Amino acid sequence: MKTLSLLAATAAALSLATPALAQGDRDKSQDFNGPYIGVSGGYTVQPNDGRETLIFDTNQDGSFDDSVNTSTGDNAFAPGFCGGAATGTANLDCRNDKDGFEYFARAGYDKRMGNFVLGAVIEGGRSEVRDSVSGFSGTPASYTMSREADWQAGARLRAGYTPGGGVLFYATGGGAFAKLDNRFTTTNAVNSFADNGKTNAWGYSAGGGAEAMLTDKISLGLEYLYTDLKDDDYVVNVGAGSAPATNPFLQNGTGTDIKRSNDSLRTHSVRATLNLRF
């Protein structure tokens, strides 16, 4: 529902974008032509709750398709999983993932050819979203993986149409990168746990928007952006700790590796842009 609301809000705002913002006696022939710097800020939601689980590699062969079983052959994670952060040791009332604000700095260049505009933009900043998944063992114990971006960057092309200057309507798409801060928490005090913390995530962004010239040098815009980042490098290794040899995580005698079943961090963003053109 949040995603649909954002899309609807973006569509409505774009439809209301009007050349009236850019009217006057000024020369519009050079609108959206040349370099610019700017900032953007808005709100981001991430539809990652879904049916995500934790997945396990009990023989550490690199294939995460194993079950963690007790000494009697039962599934140690029979209580199941939830798409959020655990609030206790039972699979109940998991905390929802966090949506939040975002803020970026950007620089770009546009080339106007009649009423058509081709350009490129690079940007860097961060969003405040947090995406978690939790698993529950029959011990009982909880195991939660969370990820959020320390910072993000993107490089995109854009193509648009301006009806005589004043306002530009455009589509945009390109590569995206994030330095992710991955965290693992558990109520299991018997086994040992080691992880690789921060990871690099690569992906793409695509969307569109509208931009209106307020003066010869300053433009104000509204943009929607969908981003998909691939995060498949984060692994938690479960070791023996003080656990006995019959511990479910020690089926191969050395330990078990844990990952998230969903290796993509997906977000929908609606942001305002403010640019200074040269």
Protein backbone atom coordinates (compact mmCIF):
# COMPACT_ATOMS: atom_id res chain seq x y z
CA MET A 1 0.00 0.00 0.00
CA LYS A 2 2.83 2.41 0.79
CA THR A 3 4.36 1.79 -2.63
CA LEU A 4 1.07 2.38 -4.40
CA SER A 5 0.54 5.59 -2.43
CA LEU A 6 3.97 6.86 -3.42
CA LEU A 7 3.36 6.04 -7.07
CA ALA A 8 -0.02 7.75 -6.98
CA ALA A 9 1.43 10.82 -5.28
CA THR A 10 4.20 11.02 -7.85
CA ALA A 11 1.80 10.70 -10.78
CA ALA A 12 -0.49 13.37 -9.35
CA ALA A 13 2.36 15.77 -8.69
CA LEU A 14 3.79 15.31 -12.17
CA SER A 15 0.40 15.93 -13.75
CA LEU A 16 0.15 19.19 -11.82
CA ALA A 17 3.58 20.38 -12.90
CA THR A 18 2.91 23.48 -15.01
CA PRO A 19 4.87 25.85 -17.16
CA ALA A 20 3.38 28.65 -15.05
CA LEU A 21 6.33 28.21 -12.68
CA ALA A 22 8.63 29.21 -15.46
CA GLN A 23 6.63 31.87 -17.27
CA GLY A 24 7.78 35.42 -17.75
CA ASP A 25 9.78 37.47 -20.24
CA ARG A 26 13.06 35.60 -19.83
CA ASP A 27 14.75 33.71 -22.68
CA LYS A 28 13.90 29.99 -22.44
CA SER A 29 16.02 28.85 -25.37
CA GLN A 30 18.85 27.65 -23.11
CA ASP A 31 16.72 25.95 -20.44
CA PHE A 32 18.01 22.44 -19.55
CA ASN A 33 21.22 22.92 -21.51
CA GLY A 34 24.59 22.60 -19.80
CA PRO A 35 26.02 21.60 -16.41
CA TYR A 36 24.32 21.83 -13.02
CA ILE A 37 24.78 20.95 -9.37
CA GLY A 38 22.02 20.34 -6.87
CA VAL A 39 20.50 18.53 -3.94
CA SER A 40 17.54 16.20 -3.51
CA GLY A 41 15.53 15.03 -0.54
CA GLY A 42 12.46 12.92 -0.01
CA TYR A 43 11.03 9.75 1.45
CA THR A 44 11.91 6.11 0.77
CA VAL A 45 9.96 2.92 1.41
CA GLN A 46 11.18 -0.65 0.96
CA PRO A 47 8.74 -3.52 0.24
CA ASN A 48 11.10 -6.23 1.52
CA ASP A 49 9.05 -7.77 4.33
CA GLY A 50 7.36 -10.46 2.23
CA ARG A 51 8.14 -14.10 2.96
CA GLU A 52 11.87 -13.79 3.47
CA THR A 53 13.65 -16.41 5.59
CA LEU A 54 17.12 -17.32 6.75
CA ILE A 55 18.90 -20.01 4.72
CA PHE A 56 21.63 -22.36 5.94
CA ASP A 57 24.77 -24.11 4.74
CA THR A 58 25.39 -26.78 7.37
CA ASN A 59 28.31 -28.46 5.56
CA GLN A 60 29.88 -25.17 4.43
CA ASP A 61 30.11 -26.20 0.78
CA GLY A 62 28.80 -22.82 -0.42
CA SER A 63 25.29 -24.10 -1.12
CA PHE A 64 22.65 -22.62 1.18
CA ASP A 65 20.00 -25.31 0.79
CA ASP A 66 20.40 -27.27 4.02
CA SER A 67 18.14 -27.74 7.04
CA VAL A 68 19.36 -27.24 10.58
CA ASN A 69 18.17 -30.32 12.44
CA THR A 70 18.25 -31.43 16.05
CA SER A 71 19.94 -34.67 17.16
CA THR A 72 16.54 -36.38 16.75
CA GLY A 73 16.20 -35.20 13.15
CA ASP A 74 13.61 -32.49 13.81
CA ASN A 75 13.80 -29.06 12.14
CA ALA A 76 15.46 -26.75 14.69
CA PHE A 77 13.78 -23.75 13.03
CA ALA A 78 10.25 -25.17 13.09
CA PRO A 79 8.88 -21.97 14.76
CA GLY A 80 9.58 -20.26 11.44
CA PHE A 81 10.64 -16.82 10.22
CA CYS A 82 9.31 -13.28 9.98
CA GLY A 83 10.10 -10.35 7.68
CA GLY A 84 11.18 -7.96 10.42
CA ALA A 85 13.21 -7.68 13.62
CA ALA A 86 12.45 -10.09 16.45
CA THR A 87 11.07 -8.61 19.67
CA GLY A 88 11.55 -11.81 21.70
CA THR A 89 12.41 -15.47 21.39
CA ALA A 90 9.01 -16.43 19.93
CA ASN A 91 7.82 -15.87 16.36
CA LEU A 92 5.39 -13.19 17.44
CA ASP A 93 5.01 -9.42 16.97
CA CYS A 94 8.13 -8.82 14.90
CA ARG A 95 9.03 -5.17 14.48
CA ASN A 96 8.24 -3.73 11.05
CA ASP A 97 11.05 -2.63 8.78
CA LYS A 98 11.94 1.05 8.81
CA ASP A 99 11.11 3.46 6.00
CA GLY A 100 12.65 6.90 6.16
CA PHE A 101 13.95 10.11 4.66
CA GLU A 102 16.73 10.36 2.10
CA TYR A 103 19.12 13.16 1.10
CA PHE A 104 21.57 13.38 -1.79
CA ALA A 105 23.92 15.79 -3.54
CA ARG A 106 24.09 15.64 -7.32
CA ALA A 107 25.85 16.96 -10.40
CA GLY A 108 24.80 16.59 -14.00
CA TYR A 109 24.92 17.76 -17.57
CA ASP A 110 22.09 18.16 -20.07
CA LYS A 111 22.25 18.63 -23.83
CA ARG A 112 19.19 20.20 -25.38
CA MET A 113 18.34 19.47 -29.02
CA GLY A 114 15.24 21.42 -29.92
CA ASN A 115 12.59 20.25 -27.47
CA PHE A 116 14.43 17.03 -26.61
CA VAL A 117 16.97 16.75 -23.80
CA LEU A 118 19.61 14.09 -23.19
CA GLY A 119 21.75 14.13 -20.07
CA ALA A 120 23.58 12.36 -17.29
CA VAL A 121 23.60 12.77 -13.52
CA ILE A 122 25.70 11.41 -10.67
CA GLU A 123 24.66 11.60 -7.02
CA GLY A 124 25.71 10.51 -3.55
CA GLY A 125 23.98 10.44 -0.16
CA ARG A 126 21.97 8.06 1.97
CA SER A 127 18.49 6.90 2.91
CA GLU A 128 17.34 5.88 6.37
CA VAL A 129 15.59 2.61 5.48
CA ARG A 130 16.34 -0.54 7.47
CA ASP A 131 15.46 -4.06 6.28
CA SER A 132 15.41 -7.02 8.70
CA VAL A 133 14.54 -10.71 8.75
CA SER A 134 14.37 -13.03 11.76
CA GLY A 135 14.40 -16.76 12.39
CA PHE A 136 13.34 -18.66 15.51
CA SER A 137 14.64 -21.94 16.85
CA GLY A 138 12.83 -24.25 19.25
CA THR A 139 15.44 -23.65 21.97
CA PRO A 140 13.81 -21.01 22.11
CA ALA A 141 16.05 -18.36 20.53
CA SER A 142 15.82 -15.63 17.91
CA TYR A 143 18.25 -14.74 15.10
CA THR A 144 17.91 -11.38 13.30
CA MET A 145 19.75 -9.99 10.27
CA SER A 146 19.38 -6.28 9.48
CA ARG A 147 20.83 -4.07 6.76
CA GLU A 148 20.90 -0.35 6.08
CA ALA A 149 23.02 1.88 3.87
CA ASP A 150 25.95 3.82 5.28
CA TRP A 151 25.93 5.73 2.00
CA GLN A 152 24.71 5.33 -1.56
CA ALA A 153 25.68 6.56 -5.02
CA GLY A 154 24.23 6.46 -8.50
CA ALA A 155 25.11 7.33 -12.09
CA ARG A 156 22.20 7.60 -14.51
CA LEU A 157 21.29 8.78 -17.98
CA ARG A 158 18.13 10.72 -18.57
CA ALA A 159 16.07 11.61 -21.62
CA GLY A 160 13.22 14.05 -21.71
CA TYR A 161 10.99 16.50 -23.51
CA THR A 162 10.53 20.19 -22.85
CA PRO A 163 7.70 21.99 -24.65
CA GLY A 164 9.64 25.10 -25.60
CA GLY A 165 11.57 25.34 -22.36
CA GLY A 166 10.34 26.10 -18.87
CA VAL A 167 9.44 22.54 -17.85
CA LEU A 168 11.18 19.24 -18.57
CA PHE A 169 9.52 15.81 -18.35
CA TYR A 170 12.02 12.97 -18.31
CA ALA A 171 12.80 9.29 -17.75
CA THR A 172 16.01 8.21 -16.06
CA GLY A 173 17.95 5.01 -15.39
CA GLY A 174 21.41 3.68 -14.60
CA GLY A 175 23.69 2.04 -12.07
CA ALA A 176 23.48 2.22 -8.29
CA PHE A 177 25.84 1.37 -5.44
CA ALA A 178 25.57 1.22 -1.65
CA LYS A 179 27.93 0.50 1.22
CA LEU A 180 25.68 -1.57 3.46
CA ASP A 181 25.96 -1.92 7.21
CA ASN A 182 24.82 -5.47 8.02
CA ARG A 183 24.11 -6.45 11.61
CA PHE A 184 23.33 -9.73 13.32
CA THR A 185 21.71 -10.17 16.74
CA THR A 186 20.68 -13.32 18.57
CA THR A 187 19.50 -14.50 21.97
CA ASN A 188 21.56 -17.69 21.53
CA ALA A 189 24.30 -17.43 24.18
CA VAL A 190 25.80 -20.88 23.59
CA ASN A 191 27.21 -20.86 20.06
CA SER A 192 29.79 -18.40 18.72
CA PHE A 193 28.89 -16.04 15.84
CA ALA A 194 31.14 -14.21 13.39
CA ASP A 195 30.14 -12.07 10.40
CA ASN A 196 31.70 -9.91 7.71
CA GLY A 197 29.85 -6.70 8.65
CA LYS A 198 29.84 -4.09 5.89
CA THR A 199 29.31 -5.20 2.30
CA ASN A 200 29.19 -3.61 -1.16
CA ALA A 201 25.90 -3.78 -3.04
CA TRP A 202 25.55 -3.04 -6.75
CA GLY A 203 22.38 -2.65 -8.75
CA TYR A 204 20.32 -0.21 -10.77
CA SER A 205 17.83 2.65 -10.46
CA ALA A 206 15.08 3.71 -12.84
CA GLY A 207 12.29 6.24 -12.75
CA GLY A 208 11.19 9.61 -14.01
CA GLY A 209 10.21 13.11 -13.05
CA ALA A 210 9.53 16.69 -13.96
CA GLU A 211 11.72 19.77 -13.52
CA ALA A 212 10.68 23.42 -13.83
CA MET A 213 12.93 26.47 -14.26
CA LEU A 214 12.17 29.05 -11.57
CA THR A 215 14.79 31.48 -12.92
CA ASP A 216 17.43 31.31 -15.64
CA LYS A 217 19.71 29.43 -13.21
CA ILE A 218 17.52 27.67 -10.64
CA SER A 219 15.22 24.72 -11.24
CA LEU A 220 12.88 22.79 -8.95
CA GLY A 221 11.78 19.22 -9.63
CA LEU A 222 9.99 16.14 -8.44
CA GLU A 223 11.36 12.65 -9.11
CA TYR A 224 10.36 9.03 -8.54
CA LEU A 225 13.10 6.40 -8.40
CA TYR A 226 13.03 2.62 -8.01
CA THR A 227 16.31 1.07 -6.84
CA ASP A 228 17.30 -2.59 -6.69
CA LEU A 229 20.60 -3.43 -4.96
CA LYS A 230 22.05 -6.95 -4.90
CA ASP A 231 23.35 -7.83 -1.42
CA ASP A 232 24.60 -11.43 -1.48
CA ASP A 233 27.96 -11.18 0.32
CA TYR A 234 26.82 -11.03 3.94
CA VAL A 235 27.31 -14.32 5.82
CA VAL A 236 27.16 -15.21 9.52
CA ASN A 237 29.26 -18.17 10.61
CA VAL A 238 27.95 -20.12 13.61
CA GLY A 239 30.67 -21.89 15.56
CA ALA A 240 30.79 -24.24 18.53
CA GLY A 241 31.25 -21.75 21.33
CA SER A 242 30.38 -23.65 24.49
CA ALA A 243 27.78 -25.82 22.75
CA PRO A 244 28.01 -29.65 22.87
CA ALA A 245 28.77 -31.67 19.75
CA THR A 246 25.05 -32.49 19.44
CA ASN A 247 24.21 -28.82 18.83
CA PRO A 248 22.09 -28.46 15.63
CA PHE A 249 24.57 -25.96 14.12
CA LEU A 250 27.44 -28.47 14.44
CA GLN A 251 26.17 -31.21 12.11
CA ASN A 252 29.45 -31.23 10.17
CA GLY A 253 31.56 -30.81 13.30
CA THR A 254 32.75 -27.28 12.47
CA GLY A 255 29.75 -24.98 12.13
CA THR A 256 27.00 -23.56 9.93
CA ASP A 257 26.83 -20.50 7.65
CA ILE A 258 23.66 -18.36 7.55
CA LYS A 259 22.44 -15.95 4.86
CA ARG A 260 19.23 -14.13 3.99
CA SER A 261 17.02 -15.78 1.38
CA ASN A 262 16.40 -12.42 -0.35
CA ASP A 263 19.63 -10.96 -1.69
CA SER A 264 18.00 -7.76 -2.99
CA LEU A 265 17.36 -4.50 -1.18
CA ARG A 266 14.61 -2.75 -3.13
CA THR A 267 13.34 0.77 -2.49
CA HIS A 268 10.82 3.25 -3.90
CA SER A 269 11.70 6.92 -3.48
CA VAL A 270 9.89 10.19 -4.10
CA ARG A 271 12.15 13.21 -3.82
CA ALA A 272 12.23 16.93 -4.54
CA THR A 273 15.23 18.25 -6.45
CA LEU A 274 16.77 21.74 -6.42
CA ASN A 275 19.41 22.51 -9.04
CA LEU A 276 21.72 25.42 -9.82
CA ARG A 277 22.52 25.59 -13.53
CA PHE A 278 25.54 27.17 -15.19
